[in-house]
Amino acid sequence: MNTLEEEKKIKSKTVIGLQVYDEEFYMREYNKNSVKEFFKYIKETESIIKEKGWSLETKFNKHYCSFKAGFFNAFGIKWIGSKTFAFFFKVDEEQANIIHIKMTKYENHWKEADYYITPGKTKTKDFLPLFEMAYKKLTGD
């Protein structure tokens, strides 16, 4: 005799639209004083990009802000914890070691050099050779 099996019901999930990653989001997720500094360094980086005439888009994500040409990141600023953040540059480890700025660590998985930022002490302009190197690597200019 043929019997019908009862269909298994699959729980449906609520659909969530694209998350907006802005200052308000970061204020909820991270230390408020650190968020203010995070945005200060983003503005300083955007100033360098503008001065150089580079065609890079500022893109905010959950854990970082990147400066990208098309799909690919050249460099950015990422959160390490709720208070700590760092510059990252998409360069080879050997390239990063040529520049005489103390690297915090090299992320092989992401192929990026990380440099922790100490608000008030870290000067964005000091990283100009790394900004230039990462931009040239990405664009070939």
C-alpha atoms as a PDB file:
ATOM      1  CA  MET A   1       0.000   0.000   0.000  1.00  0.00           C
ATOM      2  CA  ASN A   2       1.282   3.469  -0.875  1.00  0.00           C
ATOM      3  CA  THR A   3       1.258   5.993   1.949  1.00  0.00           C
ATOM      4  CA  LEU A   4       2.122   9.636   1.764  1.00  0.00           C
ATOM      5  CA  GLU A   5       4.911  10.859   3.966  1.00  0.00           C
ATOM      6  CA  GLU A   6       4.215  13.964   5.933  1.00  0.00           C
ATOM      7  CA  GLU A   7       6.141  16.937   4.552  1.00  0.00           C
ATOM      8  CA  LYS A   8       8.720  18.438   6.863  1.00  0.00           C
ATOM      9  CA  LYS A   9       7.991  22.070   7.574  1.00  0.00           C
ATOM     10  CA  ILE A  10      10.938  24.385   7.169  1.00  0.00           C
ATOM     11  CA  LYS A  11      11.065  27.399   9.415  1.00  0.00           C
ATOM     12  CA  SER A  12      11.286  30.558   7.387  1.00  0.00           C
ATOM     13  CA  LYS A  13      13.742  33.256   8.369  1.00  0.00           C
ATOM     14  CA  THR A  14      13.001  36.933   8.577  1.00  0.00           C
ATOM     15  CA  VAL A  15      14.490  38.827   5.680  1.00  0.00           C
ATOM     16  CA  ILE A  16      16.793  41.650   6.708  1.00  0.00           C
ATOM     17  CA  GLY A  17      17.716  44.401   4.269  1.00  0.00           C
ATOM     18  CA  LEU A  18      21.209  45.721   3.783  1.00  0.00           C
ATOM     19  CA  GLN A  19      22.653  47.080   7.009  1.00  0.00           C
ATOM     20  CA  VAL A  20      23.668  50.730   6.986  1.00  0.00           C
ATOM     21  CA  TYR A  21      27.156  51.153   8.397  1.00  0.00           C
ATOM     22  CA  ASP A  22      27.446  54.744   9.503  1.00  0.00           C
ATOM     23  CA  GLU A  23      28.572  56.694  12.543  1.00  0.00           C
ATOM     24  CA  GLU A  24      25.352  55.831  14.376  1.00  0.00           C
ATOM     25  CA  PHE A  25      25.962  52.095  13.800  1.00  0.00           C
ATOM     26  CA  TYR A  26      29.555  52.320  15.046  1.00  0.00           C
ATOM     27  CA  MET A  27      28.446  54.317  18.119  1.00  0.00           C
ATOM     28  CA  ARG A  28      26.191  51.381  19.077  1.00  0.00           C
ATOM     29  CA  GLU A  29      28.835  48.721  18.437  1.00  0.00           C
ATOM     30  CA  TYR A  30      32.099  50.302  19.581  1.00  0.00           C
ATOM     31  CA  ASN A  31      33.504  52.647  22.217  1.00  0.00           C
ATOM     32  CA  LYS A  32      32.048  56.120  21.572  1.00  0.00           C
ATOM     33  CA  ASN A  33      35.364  57.988  22.027  1.00  0.00           C
ATOM     34  CA  SER A  34      37.097  55.516  19.728  1.00  0.00           C
ATOM     35  CA  VAL A  35      34.384  55.997  17.094  1.00  0.00           C
ATOM     36  CA  LYS A  36      35.047  59.767  17.077  1.00  0.00           C
ATOM     37  CA  GLU A  37      38.765  59.094  16.554  1.00  0.00           C
ATOM     38  CA  PHE A  38      38.014  56.423  13.931  1.00  0.00           C
ATOM     39  CA  PHE A  39      36.092  58.991  11.877  1.00  0.00           C
ATOM     40  CA  LYS A  40      38.806  61.611  12.402  1.00  0.00           C
ATOM     41  CA  TYR A  41      41.352  59.246  10.817  1.00  0.00           C
ATOM     42  CA  ILE A  42      38.934  58.448   7.982  1.00  0.00           C
ATOM     43  CA  LYS A  43      38.602  62.176   7.214  1.00  0.00           C
ATOM     44  CA  GLU A  44      42.395  62.606   7.296  1.00  0.00           C
ATOM     45  CA  THR A  45      42.791  59.655   4.909  1.00  0.00           C
ATOM     46  CA  GLU A  46      40.140  61.111   2.589  1.00  0.00           C
ATOM     47  CA  SER A  47      42.109  64.387   2.571  1.00  0.00           C
ATOM     48  CA  ILE A  48      45.244  62.544   1.430  1.00  0.00           C
ATOM     49  CA  ILE A  49      43.248  60.804  -1.305  1.00  0.00           C
ATOM     50  CA  LYS A  50      41.859  64.131  -2.481  1.00  0.00           C
ATOM     51  CA  GLU A  51      45.295  65.843  -2.396  1.00  0.00           C
ATOM     52  CA  LYS A  52      46.771  63.030  -4.491  1.00  0.00           C
ATOM     53  CA  GLY A  53      43.855  63.056  -6.943  1.00  0.00           C
ATOM     54  CA  TRP A  54      43.267  59.329  -6.502  1.00  0.00           C
ATOM     55  CA  SER A  55      40.009  57.834  -7.673  1.00  0.00           C
ATOM     56  CA  LEU A  56      39.048  55.842  -4.583  1.00  0.00           C
ATOM     57  CA  GLU A  57      35.648  55.291  -3.008  1.00  0.00           C
ATOM     58  CA  THR A  58      35.124  55.293   0.764  1.00  0.00           C
ATOM     59  CA  LYS A  59      33.191  52.160   1.737  1.00  0.00           C
ATOM     60  CA  PHE A  60      31.969  51.372   5.253  1.00  0.00           C
ATOM     61  CA  ASN A  61      31.548  47.775   6.406  1.00  0.00           C
ATOM     62  CA  LYS A  62      30.752  46.195   9.752  1.00  0.00           C
ATOM     63  CA  HIS A  63      34.353  45.915  10.915  1.00  0.00           C
ATOM     64  CA  TYR A  64      36.235  48.392   8.735  1.00  0.00           C
ATOM     65  CA  CYS A  65      36.219  51.355   6.389  1.00  0.00           C
ATOM     66  CA  SER A  66      38.017  50.746   3.123  1.00  0.00           C
ATOM     67  CA  PHE A  67      39.181  52.933   0.303  1.00  0.00           C
ATOM     68  CA  LYS A  68      38.698  51.048  -2.921  1.00  0.00           C
ATOM     69  CA  ALA A  69      38.904  51.207  -6.672  1.00  0.00           C
ATOM     70  CA  GLY A  70      36.036  49.143  -8.037  1.00  0.00           C
ATOM     71  CA  PHE A  71      35.789  45.895  -6.117  1.00  0.00           C
ATOM     72  CA  PHE A  72      39.299  45.897  -4.617  1.00  0.00           C
ATOM     73  CA  ASN A  73      40.542  47.610  -1.452  1.00  0.00           C
ATOM     74  CA  ALA A  74      43.753  49.627  -1.550  1.00  0.00           C
ATOM     75  CA  PHE A  75      43.863  50.388   2.175  1.00  0.00           C
ATOM     76  CA  GLY A  76      41.584  51.232   5.062  1.00  0.00           C
ATOM     77  CA  ILE A  77      40.992  51.436   8.781  1.00  0.00           C
ATOM     78  CA  LYS A  78      39.667  48.419  10.660  1.00  0.00           C
ATOM     79  CA  TRP A  79      38.418  47.660  14.124  1.00  0.00           C
ATOM     80  CA  ILE A  80      40.571  45.305  16.185  1.00  0.00           C
ATOM     81  CA  GLY A  81      38.365  45.418  19.302  1.00  0.00           C
ATOM     82  CA  SER A  82      35.766  47.795  20.715  1.00  0.00           C
ATOM     83  CA  LYS A  83      38.384  50.509  21.353  1.00  0.00           C
ATOM     84  CA  THR A  84      41.337  49.619  19.116  1.00  0.00           C
ATOM     85  CA  PHE A  85      41.585  50.216  15.392  1.00  0.00           C
ATOM     86  CA  ALA A  86      44.361  50.073  12.817  1.00  0.00           C
ATOM     87  CA  PHE A  87      45.378  51.128   9.337  1.00  0.00           C
ATOM     88  CA  PHE A  88      45.592  48.262   6.877  1.00  0.00           C
ATOM     89  CA  PHE A  89      47.429  48.383   3.564  1.00  0.00           C
ATOM     90  CA  LYS A  90      47.045  45.808   0.788  1.00  0.00           C
ATOM     91  CA  VAL A  91      50.744  45.283   0.123  1.00  0.00           C
ATOM     92  CA  ASP A  92      53.087  42.308   0.247  1.00  0.00           C
ATOM     93  CA  GLU A  93      54.897  41.728   3.529  1.00  0.00           C
ATOM     94  CA  GLU A  94      58.256  42.364   1.833  1.00  0.00           C
ATOM     95  CA  GLN A  95      56.985  45.695   0.485  1.00  0.00           C
ATOM     96  CA  ALA A  96      55.710  46.731   3.925  1.00  0.00           C
ATOM     97  CA  ASN A  97      59.091  45.926   5.484  1.00  0.00           C
ATOM     98  CA  ILE A  98      60.847  48.295   3.058  1.00  0.00           C
ATOM     99  CA  ILE A  99      59.022  51.223   4.645  1.00  0.00           C
ATOM    100  CA  HIS A 100      60.533  52.055   8.016  1.00  0.00           C
ATOM    101  CA  ILE A 101      57.307  52.240   9.999  1.00  0.00           C
ATOM    102  CA  LYS A 102      56.812  49.624  12.710  1.00  0.00           C
ATOM    103  CA  MET A 103      54.191  47.162  11.502  1.00  0.00           C
ATOM    104  CA  THR A 104      51.922  45.681  14.176  1.00  0.00           C
ATOM    105  CA  LYS A 105      51.357  42.475  12.208  1.00  0.00           C
ATOM    106  CA  TYR A 106      50.998  41.059   8.739  1.00  0.00           C
ATOM    107  CA  GLU A 107      47.741  39.241   7.926  1.00  0.00           C
ATOM    108  CA  ASN A 108      48.703  36.554   5.408  1.00  0.00           C
ATOM    109  CA  HIS A 109      45.094  35.493   4.903  1.00  0.00           C
ATOM    110  CA  TRP A 110      44.072  39.020   3.843  1.00  0.00           C
ATOM    111  CA  LYS A 111      47.487  39.939   2.374  1.00  0.00           C
ATOM    112  CA  GLU A 112      47.604  43.160   4.348  1.00  0.00           C
ATOM    113  CA  ALA A 113      49.940  44.981   6.688  1.00  0.00           C
ATOM    114  CA  ASP A 114      48.315  46.261   9.909  1.00  0.00           C
ATOM    115  CA  TYR A 115      49.466  49.288  11.897  1.00  0.00           C
ATOM    116  CA  TYR A 116      47.656  50.007  15.163  1.00  0.00           C
ATOM    117  CA  ILE A 117      46.541  53.600  15.586  1.00  0.00           C
ATOM    118  CA  THR A 118      47.126  55.419  18.875  1.00  0.00           C
ATOM    119  CA  PRO A 119      44.678  58.337  18.795  1.00  0.00           C
ATOM    120  CA  GLY A 120      46.431  61.654  19.338  1.00  0.00           C
ATOM    121  CA  LYS A 121      49.871  60.166  18.629  1.00  0.00           C
ATOM    122  CA  THR A 122      49.543  58.417  15.262  1.00  0.00           C
ATOM    123  CA  LYS A 123      49.972  60.870  12.380  1.00  0.00           C
ATOM    124  CA  THR A 124      48.158  59.858   9.197  1.00  0.00           C
ATOM    125  CA  LYS A 125      50.668  61.701   6.978  1.00  0.00           C
ATOM    126  CA  ASP A 126      53.485  59.506   8.372  1.00  0.00           C
ATOM    127  CA  PHE A 127      51.903  56.608   6.475  1.00  0.00           C
ATOM    128  CA  LEU A 128      52.017  58.403   3.106  1.00  0.00           C
ATOM    129  CA  PRO A 129      54.622  55.976   1.645  1.00  0.00           C
ATOM    130  CA  LEU A 130      52.307  53.054   2.468  1.00  0.00           C
ATOM    131  CA  PHE A 131      49.234  54.813   1.055  1.00  0.00           C
ATOM    132  CA  GLU A 132      51.180  55.451  -2.167  1.00  0.00           C
ATOM    133  CA  MET A 133      52.535  51.907  -2.329  1.00  0.00           C
ATOM    134  CA  ALA A 134      49.098  50.314  -1.815  1.00  0.00           C
ATOM    135  CA  TYR A 135      47.484  52.633  -4.371  1.00  0.00           C
ATOM    136  CA  LYS A 136      50.187  51.892  -6.970  1.00  0.00           C
ATOM    137  CA  LYS A 137      49.895  48.167  -6.338  1.00  0.00           C
ATOM    138  CA  LEU A 138      46.142  48.298  -6.903  1.00  0.00           C
ATOM    139  CA  THR A 139      46.037  50.616  -9.913  1.00  0.00           C
ATOM    140  CA  GLY A 140      49.441  50.092 -11.510  1.00  0.00           C
ATOM    141  CA  ASP A 141      49.947  53.886 -11.587  1.00  0.00           C
END
